[in-house]
Amino acid sequence: MEEKMNNSLLKPLKIGDYLVPVPVVQGGMGVGVSLSGLAGAVAACGGVGIISTAQIGFRDKGFDANPIGCNLRAVKEEINKAREIVRKWQCDVTGGVETGEGHSRKPGLIGVNIMVATKKYEEYVKAAAEAGADIIISGAGLPMTLPELVKKAKTMIAPIVSSLKSVQVIIKYWLKKYDRLPDMVVIEGPLAGGHLGFQARQLENIEELHYEEEIRRIVDYVGECGGTHGKDIPVIVAGGIYTREDAEKSFALGASGVQMATRFVTTYECDASAAYKNTYIRAQKEDIAIVKSPVGMPGRALANSFVKRAAKERIPHKGCHNCIATCRPDQTPYCITEALIHAVEGNVEQGLVFCGANAYRAQRLEHVADIMKEFEPVL
């Protein structure tokens, strides 16, 4: 019993040649929810801070006319801003910007999340690698060409998967085509927020998925593949992680780290508006629903006025913002870019507020430094 408890304790996260002090990966959240402010704070506190590239340039004046151009410029800008935040935090002997509490741990990593379904996916990946992202995490589709796109860079790569079958397909293809393994694998479960890699009927009957068994199978498979080729590949569990106790359960299943997104929304450092954060704080469990995204995937969001309206009628929108490859502007029930921008900027009742299954647990604003302290390994 004692040995089992020790094995489930959180430990520093080793990714390639890096040792991340706190085994927490902050999940990428678009549009504009996880930019340099949040990612930089998480990295400064010893975790893996992730910038979402989804419509990352939405604040640029030229965004409507040239969204992709603005986004590609913003990728580099946000990575640089995040690194500057890390540098300032490390130079500040008092620690966190607002907490006034010191921290002595070494910084973590700065990465980006890029959806495979993004238009011009290849250009986003190359932009992130050229900007010096430590790691690219990629899901919303199978990132089959990712190794080719970063082959000349030091950037590490990690696919997001939701099933054993998907990770098997990716690893076998990467080995055969590029002689490369992932540097990390993220398992995103059915309790996650935003777009989900499950069918709607599965999300309505989550207990029937027996998902802990699937996590064990994925962990075992990735471990076997890594062991065969002399590489240690950490597996990160995402979806429904809110407390240290949640993380301990994932470690007991074989995880090397956890990914959290929802918990970080209600932080002072999160890049979203105050109104956006307050929707989480006010939310009740019954306010969280599975919605049908116009890009063809089910998602989890707050059932606000916008979601209820979208279920009844088509919501007019402006021109195409070139976000998702599968979107058909003349057929879509609403523009997901416009809906997400409205929400992150504070017009929450007229926008789409993605969230994880545990968003209702948020009671107040927190500092990133305090959350990261909760997940520190016991050495």
Protein backbone atom coordinates (compact mmCIF):
# COMPACT_ATOMS: atom_id res chain seq x y z
CA MET A 1 0.00 0.00 0.00
CA GLU A 2 2.81 2.42 0.94
CA GLU A 3 4.64 1.71 -2.33
CA LYS A 4 1.46 2.36 -4.34
CA MET A 5 0.95 5.71 -2.61
CA ASN A 6 4.52 6.74 -3.31
CA ASN A 7 4.20 5.77 -6.97
CA SER A 8 1.14 8.03 -7.31
CA LEU A 9 2.89 11.13 -5.93
CA LEU A 10 3.45 13.99 -8.35
CA LYS A 11 7.00 14.21 -9.64
CA PRO A 12 8.87 16.71 -11.85
CA LEU A 13 8.04 16.23 -15.52
CA LYS A 14 10.85 15.17 -17.84
CA ILE A 15 10.31 16.07 -21.50
CA GLY A 16 13.29 15.36 -23.72
CA ASP A 17 16.28 17.08 -22.15
CA TYR A 18 14.10 19.33 -19.98
CA LEU A 19 13.04 18.79 -16.39
CA VAL A 20 9.87 20.74 -15.66
CA PRO A 21 9.64 21.35 -11.88
CA VAL A 22 5.84 21.20 -11.60
CA PRO A 23 4.16 18.46 -13.70
CA VAL A 24 1.41 20.75 -14.97
CA VAL A 25 0.77 21.63 -18.60
CA GLN A 26 -1.59 24.57 -18.97
CA GLY A 27 -4.06 23.73 -21.71
CA GLY A 28 -4.27 25.93 -24.78
CA MET A 29 -7.49 27.95 -24.92
CA GLY A 30 -8.60 30.02 -27.87
CA VAL A 31 -9.65 32.52 -28.90
CA GLY A 32 -7.49 34.80 -26.75
CA VAL A 33 -7.98 33.02 -23.43
CA SER A 34 -4.45 31.62 -23.13
CA LEU A 35 -1.97 34.05 -24.64
CA SER A 36 1.35 35.30 -23.32
CA GLY A 37 -0.02 36.53 -19.99
CA LEU A 38 -1.25 33.17 -18.78
CA ALA A 39 1.37 31.02 -20.50
CA GLY A 40 4.21 33.21 -19.26
CA ALA A 41 2.94 33.07 -15.68
CA VAL A 42 2.61 29.27 -15.72
CA ALA A 43 6.09 28.83 -17.19
CA ALA A 44 7.57 31.27 -14.68
CA CYS A 45 6.09 29.18 -11.88
CA GLY A 46 7.68 25.98 -13.15
CA GLY A 47 5.06 24.50 -15.46
CA VAL A 48 4.47 24.30 -19.21
CA GLY A 49 2.69 27.45 -20.39
CA ILE A 50 0.75 27.03 -23.62
CA ILE A 51 -0.34 29.79 -26.01
CA SER A 52 -3.30 29.00 -28.24
CA THR A 53 -2.72 30.04 -31.86
CA ALA A 54 -6.46 29.92 -32.64
CA GLN A 55 -7.16 33.35 -34.17
CA ILE A 56 -4.30 34.67 -32.03
CA GLY A 57 -4.12 37.94 -33.96
CA PHE A 58 -7.76 38.92 -33.41
CA ARG A 59 -6.83 42.17 -31.66
CA ASP A 60 -4.89 43.48 -34.68
CA LYS A 61 -6.62 46.28 -36.61
CA GLY A 62 -6.05 44.45 -39.87
CA PHE A 63 -7.51 41.16 -38.66
CA ASP A 64 -10.76 41.29 -40.65
CA ALA A 65 -8.92 41.93 -43.90
CA ASN A 66 -6.01 39.52 -43.34
CA PRO A 67 -6.65 37.18 -40.40
CA ILE A 68 -3.98 34.62 -41.26
CA GLY A 69 -1.28 37.25 -41.73
CA CYS A 70 -2.17 38.84 -38.40
CA ASN A 71 -2.21 35.45 -36.70
CA LEU A 72 1.21 34.43 -37.99
CA ARG A 73 2.76 37.70 -36.79
CA ALA A 74 1.07 37.32 -33.42
CA VAL A 75 2.49 33.82 -32.90
CA LYS A 76 6.01 35.21 -32.67
CA GLU A 77 4.92 38.27 -30.70
CA GLU A 78 3.09 36.25 -28.04
CA ILE A 79 5.93 33.75 -27.64
CA ASN A 80 8.37 36.62 -27.15
CA LYS A 81 6.05 38.33 -24.65
CA ALA A 82 5.71 35.11 -22.67
CA ARG A 83 9.47 34.71 -22.49
CA GLU A 84 9.80 38.28 -21.27
CA ILE A 85 7.28 37.55 -18.51
CA VAL A 86 9.34 34.56 -17.44
CA ARG A 87 12.50 36.65 -17.45
CA LYS A 88 10.93 39.39 -15.33
CA TRP A 89 9.46 36.93 -12.84
CA GLN A 90 12.80 35.23 -12.42
CA CYS A 91 14.55 38.57 -11.88
CA ASP A 92 11.96 39.63 -9.31
CA VAL A 93 13.13 38.29 -5.96
CA THR A 94 9.64 38.74 -4.53
CA GLY A 95 8.19 36.32 -7.07
CA GLY A 96 4.71 36.70 -8.55
CA VAL A 97 3.68 39.99 -10.11
CA GLU A 98 0.69 40.48 -7.82
CA THR A 99 1.00 37.86 -5.09
CA GLY A 100 4.12 39.25 -3.48
CA GLU A 101 5.08 35.69 -2.60
CA GLY A 102 8.53 34.40 -3.46
CA HIS A 103 9.21 31.25 -5.45
CA SER A 104 12.62 29.68 -5.93
CA ARG A 105 11.82 26.99 -8.46
CA LYS A 106 13.29 27.07 -11.95
CA PRO A 107 11.04 28.14 -14.84
CA GLY A 108 9.29 25.66 -17.08
CA LEU A 109 8.63 25.77 -20.82
CA ILE A 110 6.75 27.94 -23.31
CA GLY A 111 4.76 26.13 -25.99
CA VAL A 112 1.85 26.57 -28.37
CA ASN A 113 -1.30 24.65 -29.19
CA ILE A 114 -2.09 24.43 -32.91
CA MET A 115 -5.21 22.68 -34.15
CA VAL A 116 -4.70 20.39 -37.13
CA ALA A 117 -8.04 21.61 -38.45
CA THR A 118 -6.69 25.15 -38.74
CA LYS A 119 -6.46 26.60 -42.25
CA LYS A 120 -2.79 26.96 -43.24
CA TYR A 121 -1.84 24.61 -40.40
CA GLU A 122 1.63 24.12 -41.82
CA GLU A 123 2.36 27.85 -41.75
CA TYR A 124 1.35 28.13 -38.09
CA VAL A 125 3.61 25.24 -37.13
CA LYS A 126 6.57 26.71 -38.98
CA ALA A 127 5.95 30.14 -37.45
CA ALA A 128 5.91 28.68 -33.94
CA ALA A 129 9.07 26.65 -34.53
CA GLU A 130 10.89 29.63 -36.04
CA ALA A 131 9.85 31.75 -33.05
CA GLY A 132 11.52 29.25 -30.73
CA ALA A 133 8.54 27.52 -29.10
CA ASP A 134 9.82 24.82 -26.77
CA ILE A 135 6.99 22.47 -27.69
CA ILE A 136 4.03 22.29 -30.08
CA ILE A 137 0.94 20.46 -28.88
CA SER A 138 -1.42 19.56 -31.71
CA GLY A 139 -4.88 18.02 -31.84
CA ALA A 140 -8.33 18.57 -33.37
CA GLY A 141 -7.28 16.06 -36.00
CA LEU A 142 -4.29 13.77 -36.37
CA PRO A 143 -1.01 15.75 -36.76
CA MET A 144 0.48 13.35 -39.29
CA THR A 145 2.90 15.83 -40.89
CA LEU A 146 4.09 17.53 -37.71
CA PRO A 147 7.59 15.95 -37.65
CA GLU A 148 8.29 17.13 -41.20
CA LEU A 149 7.26 20.70 -40.36
CA VAL A 150 9.63 21.04 -37.39
CA LYS A 151 12.51 18.87 -38.57
CA LYS A 152 15.04 21.73 -38.71
CA ALA A 153 14.04 23.16 -35.34
CA LYS A 154 14.68 22.14 -31.75
CA THR A 155 10.97 22.41 -30.99
CA MET A 156 9.52 19.30 -29.37
CA ILE A 157 6.21 17.87 -30.58
CA ALA A 158 3.23 16.30 -28.82
CA PRO A 159 0.00 14.98 -30.34
CA ILE A 160 -3.32 15.19 -28.51
CA VAL A 161 -5.22 11.90 -28.62
CA SER A 162 -8.46 10.60 -27.16
CA SER A 163 -8.13 6.91 -28.02
CA LEU A 164 -5.59 4.12 -28.25
CA LYS A 165 -6.33 3.76 -31.95
CA SER A 166 -5.42 7.37 -32.71
CA VAL A 167 -2.07 7.24 -30.89
CA GLN A 168 -1.25 3.95 -32.61
CA VAL A 169 -1.91 5.48 -36.03
CA ILE A 170 0.21 8.54 -35.26
CA ILE A 171 3.20 6.73 -33.77
CA LYS A 172 3.34 4.04 -36.45
CA TYR A 173 3.16 6.64 -39.21
CA TRP A 174 5.75 8.94 -37.62
CA LEU A 175 8.18 6.05 -37.18
CA LYS A 176 7.74 4.76 -40.73
CA LYS A 177 7.69 8.14 -42.48
CA TYR A 178 10.01 10.26 -40.33
CA ASP A 179 11.80 7.84 -37.98
CA ARG A 180 10.58 9.99 -35.11
CA LEU A 181 8.59 9.49 -31.93
CA PRO A 182 6.56 12.08 -30.03
CA ASP A 183 8.39 13.95 -27.29
CA MET A 184 5.19 13.85 -25.25
CA VAL A 185 1.63 12.56 -25.66
CA VAL A 186 -1.47 14.32 -24.31
CA ILE A 187 -4.57 12.23 -23.61
CA GLU A 188 -7.62 14.49 -23.69
CA GLY A 189 -10.56 12.83 -22.00
CA PRO A 190 -14.32 13.40 -22.21
CA LEU A 191 -14.46 15.95 -19.35
CA ALA A 192 -12.36 18.52 -21.21
CA GLY A 193 -13.64 21.83 -22.52
CA GLY A 194 -13.92 23.20 -26.04
CA HIS A 195 -13.90 20.87 -29.03
CA LEU A 196 -13.81 17.21 -28.06
CA GLY A 197 -12.61 14.08 -29.79
CA PHE A 198 -15.72 12.07 -28.97
CA GLN A 199 -19.16 11.53 -30.42
CA ALA A 200 -22.03 13.42 -28.81
CA ARG A 201 -23.70 10.21 -27.64
CA GLN A 202 -20.47 9.17 -25.88
CA LEU A 203 -20.36 12.49 -24.04
CA GLU A 204 -23.92 11.96 -22.86
CA ASN A 205 -22.93 8.61 -21.33
CA ILE A 206 -19.39 9.19 -20.10
CA GLU A 207 -19.54 6.42 -17.49
CA GLU A 208 -20.01 3.85 -20.23
CA LEU A 209 -16.69 4.83 -21.81
CA HIS A 210 -14.70 3.30 -18.91
CA TYR A 211 -12.11 5.88 -19.82
CA GLU A 212 -9.62 5.03 -17.08
CA GLU A 213 -9.06 1.72 -18.85
CA GLU A 214 -8.37 3.56 -22.11
CA ILE A 215 -5.85 5.81 -20.34
CA ARG A 216 -4.00 2.76 -19.01
CA ARG A 217 -3.93 1.19 -22.49
CA ILE A 218 -2.53 4.37 -24.04
CA VAL A 219 0.08 4.77 -21.28
CA ASP A 220 1.18 1.17 -21.74
CA TYR A 221 1.39 1.45 -25.52
CA VAL A 222 3.37 4.70 -25.46
CA GLY A 223 5.70 3.24 -22.83
CA GLU A 224 6.32 0.13 -24.94
CA CYS A 225 7.02 2.18 -28.07
CA GLY A 226 9.39 4.47 -26.21
CA GLY A 227 11.15 1.58 -24.49
CA THR A 228 11.69 -0.25 -27.79
CA HIS A 229 13.43 2.81 -29.22
CA GLY A 230 15.25 3.91 -26.08
CA LYS A 231 13.13 7.00 -25.46
CA ASP A 232 11.13 8.03 -22.42
CA ILE A 233 7.86 9.57 -23.64
CA PRO A 234 5.82 11.25 -20.91
CA VAL A 235 2.05 10.88 -21.10
CA ILE A 236 -0.08 13.80 -19.93
CA VAL A 237 -3.70 13.32 -18.87
CA ALA A 238 -6.17 16.13 -19.58
CA GLY A 239 -9.88 16.63 -19.02
CA GLY A 240 -11.48 17.11 -15.61
CA ILE A 241 -8.24 17.87 -13.73
CA TYR A 242 -9.01 20.59 -11.20
CA THR A 243 -7.30 19.71 -7.91
CA ARG A 244 -4.19 17.94 -6.73
CA GLU A 245 -6.38 14.97 -5.84
CA ASP A 246 -7.51 14.77 -9.47
CA ALA A 247 -3.88 14.84 -10.55
CA GLU A 248 -2.93 12.09 -8.11
CA LYS A 249 -5.58 9.85 -9.65
CA SER A 250 -4.07 10.43 -13.10
CA PHE A 251 -0.59 9.64 -11.82
CA ALA A 252 -1.95 6.41 -10.35
CA LEU A 253 -3.01 5.49 -13.89
CA GLY A 254 0.54 5.99 -15.13
CA ALA A 255 0.55 9.64 -16.15
CA SER A 256 3.75 11.67 -15.98
CA GLY A 257 1.85 14.95 -15.77
CA VAL A 258 -1.55 16.58 -16.09
CA GLN A 259 -2.96 19.25 -18.35
CA MET A 260 -5.34 21.82 -16.88
CA ALA A 261 -7.18 24.59 -18.68
CA THR A 262 -10.44 25.39 -16.88
CA ARG A 263 -8.72 25.93 -13.51
CA PHE A 264 -6.50 28.62 -15.03
CA VAL A 265 -9.35 30.66 -16.56
CA THR A 266 -10.26 32.18 -13.20
CA THR A 267 -6.77 33.53 -12.53
CA TYR A 268 -5.71 37.15 -12.48
CA GLU A 269 -3.11 36.34 -15.12
CA CYS A 270 -5.52 34.74 -17.63
CA ASP A 271 -5.77 36.79 -20.83
CA ALA A 272 -9.58 36.74 -21.00
CA SER A 273 -11.75 39.65 -19.84
CA ALA A 274 -13.06 39.93 -16.28
CA ALA A 275 -16.59 39.29 -17.56
CA TYR A 276 -15.45 36.03 -19.15
CA LYS A 277 -13.85 34.84 -15.90
CA ASN A 278 -16.94 35.78 -13.92
CA THR A 279 -19.12 33.51 -16.05
CA TYR A 280 -17.17 30.56 -14.63
CA ILE A 281 -17.47 31.85 -11.08
CA ARG A 282 -21.23 32.28 -11.44
CA ALA A 283 -21.77 28.99 -13.29
CA GLN A 284 -23.68 26.09 -11.77
CA LYS A 285 -23.19 22.48 -12.81
CA GLU A 286 -26.44 22.51 -14.75
CA ASP A 287 -25.23 25.48 -16.83
CA ILE A 288 -22.60 23.35 -18.58
CA ALA A 289 -23.73 21.66 -21.78
CA ILE A 290 -22.55 19.72 -24.81
CA VAL A 291 -23.00 21.90 -27.88
CA LYS A 292 -22.73 21.27 -31.59
CA SER A 293 -19.92 23.36 -33.04
CA PRO A 294 -20.33 24.77 -36.54
CA VAL A 295 -16.99 23.20 -37.47
CA GLY A 296 -18.45 19.72 -37.14
CA MET A 297 -17.32 18.65 -33.67
CA PRO A 298 -19.15 18.43 -30.36
CA GLY A 299 -17.92 20.76 -27.67
CA ARG A 300 -18.50 21.69 -24.04
CA ALA A 301 -19.61 25.22 -23.20
CA LEU A 302 -21.78 27.30 -20.91
CA ALA A 303 -25.43 27.21 -22.00
CA ASN A 304 -25.85 30.98 -22.19
CA SER A 305 -28.19 33.10 -24.30
CA PHE A 306 -26.02 32.68 -27.38
CA VAL A 307 -25.97 28.87 -27.20
CA LYS A 308 -29.75 28.74 -26.70
CA ARG A 309 -30.31 31.08 -29.64
CA ALA A 310 -27.94 29.12 -31.89
CA ALA A 311 -29.89 25.94 -31.19
CA LYS A 312 -33.02 27.56 -32.62
CA GLU A 313 -31.86 29.74 -35.51
CA ARG A 314 -29.01 30.69 -37.78
CA ILE A 315 -27.05 33.67 -36.47
CA PRO A 316 -25.88 36.08 -39.21
CA HIS A 317 -22.17 36.79 -39.44
CA LYS A 318 -19.67 38.86 -41.38
CA GLY A 319 -17.14 37.55 -43.88
CA CYS A 320 -15.00 34.45 -43.40
CA HIS A 321 -12.11 34.69 -40.92
CA ASN A 322 -10.28 31.67 -42.36
CA CYS A 323 -10.17 29.71 -39.11
CA ILE A 324 -11.13 26.06 -39.56
CA ALA A 325 -10.66 24.13 -42.80
CA THR A 326 -13.93 22.21 -42.44
CA CYS A 327 -16.09 25.32 -42.01
CA ARG A 328 -18.49 26.29 -44.81
CA PRO A 329 -19.30 30.00 -44.33
CA ASP A 330 -22.46 29.84 -46.42
CA GLN A 331 -23.81 26.94 -44.38
CA THR A 332 -22.51 27.48 -40.85
CA PRO A 333 -25.17 28.26 -38.22
CA TYR A 334 -22.90 30.95 -36.78
CA CYS A 335 -19.30 32.14 -37.06
CA ILE A 336 -17.30 30.46 -34.32
CA THR A 337 -14.53 33.07 -34.57
CA GLU A 338 -16.96 35.93 -33.97
CA ALA A 339 -18.67 34.02 -31.16
CA LEU A 340 -15.41 33.30 -29.35
CA ILE A 341 -14.10 36.86 -29.80
CA HIS A 342 -17.33 38.33 -28.39
CA ALA A 343 -17.00 36.10 -25.34
CA VAL A 344 -13.31 36.69 -24.58
CA GLU A 345 -13.75 40.44 -24.93
CA GLY A 346 -16.59 40.45 -22.39
CA ASN A 347 -19.81 40.27 -24.45
CA VAL A 348 -20.41 36.89 -22.90
CA GLU A 349 -24.15 36.52 -23.51
CA GLN A 350 -23.62 37.08 -27.22
CA GLY A 351 -20.62 34.79 -27.44
CA LEU A 352 -19.51 31.19 -27.03
CA VAL A 353 -17.90 30.41 -23.67
CA PHE A 354 -16.09 27.08 -23.86
CA CYS A 355 -15.39 25.37 -20.55
CA GLY A 356 -14.47 22.06 -18.97
CA ALA A 357 -16.88 19.88 -17.00
CA ASN A 358 -15.58 21.31 -13.71
CA ALA A 359 -16.02 25.01 -14.50
CA TYR A 360 -18.76 25.24 -11.88
CA ARG A 361 -16.15 24.53 -9.17
CA ALA A 362 -14.61 27.98 -9.62
CA GLN A 363 -15.49 30.17 -6.64
CA ARG A 364 -13.07 33.09 -6.91
CA LEU A 365 -10.13 34.54 -8.78
CA GLU A 366 -6.76 32.97 -7.98
CA HIS A 367 -3.13 33.64 -8.78
CA VAL A 368 -1.27 31.24 -11.04
CA ALA A 369 1.51 31.02 -8.45
CA ASP A 370 -0.92 29.71 -5.83
CA ILE A 371 -2.33 27.06 -8.16
CA MET A 372 1.13 25.88 -9.13
CA LYS A 373 2.13 25.64 -5.47
CA GLU A 374 -0.80 23.26 -4.96
CA PHE A 375 0.65 20.91 -7.57
CA GLU A 376 4.28 20.98 -6.48
CA PRO A 377 5.89 17.54 -6.21
CA VAL A 378 6.63 16.26 -2.71
CA LEU A 379 10.30 15.35 -2.89
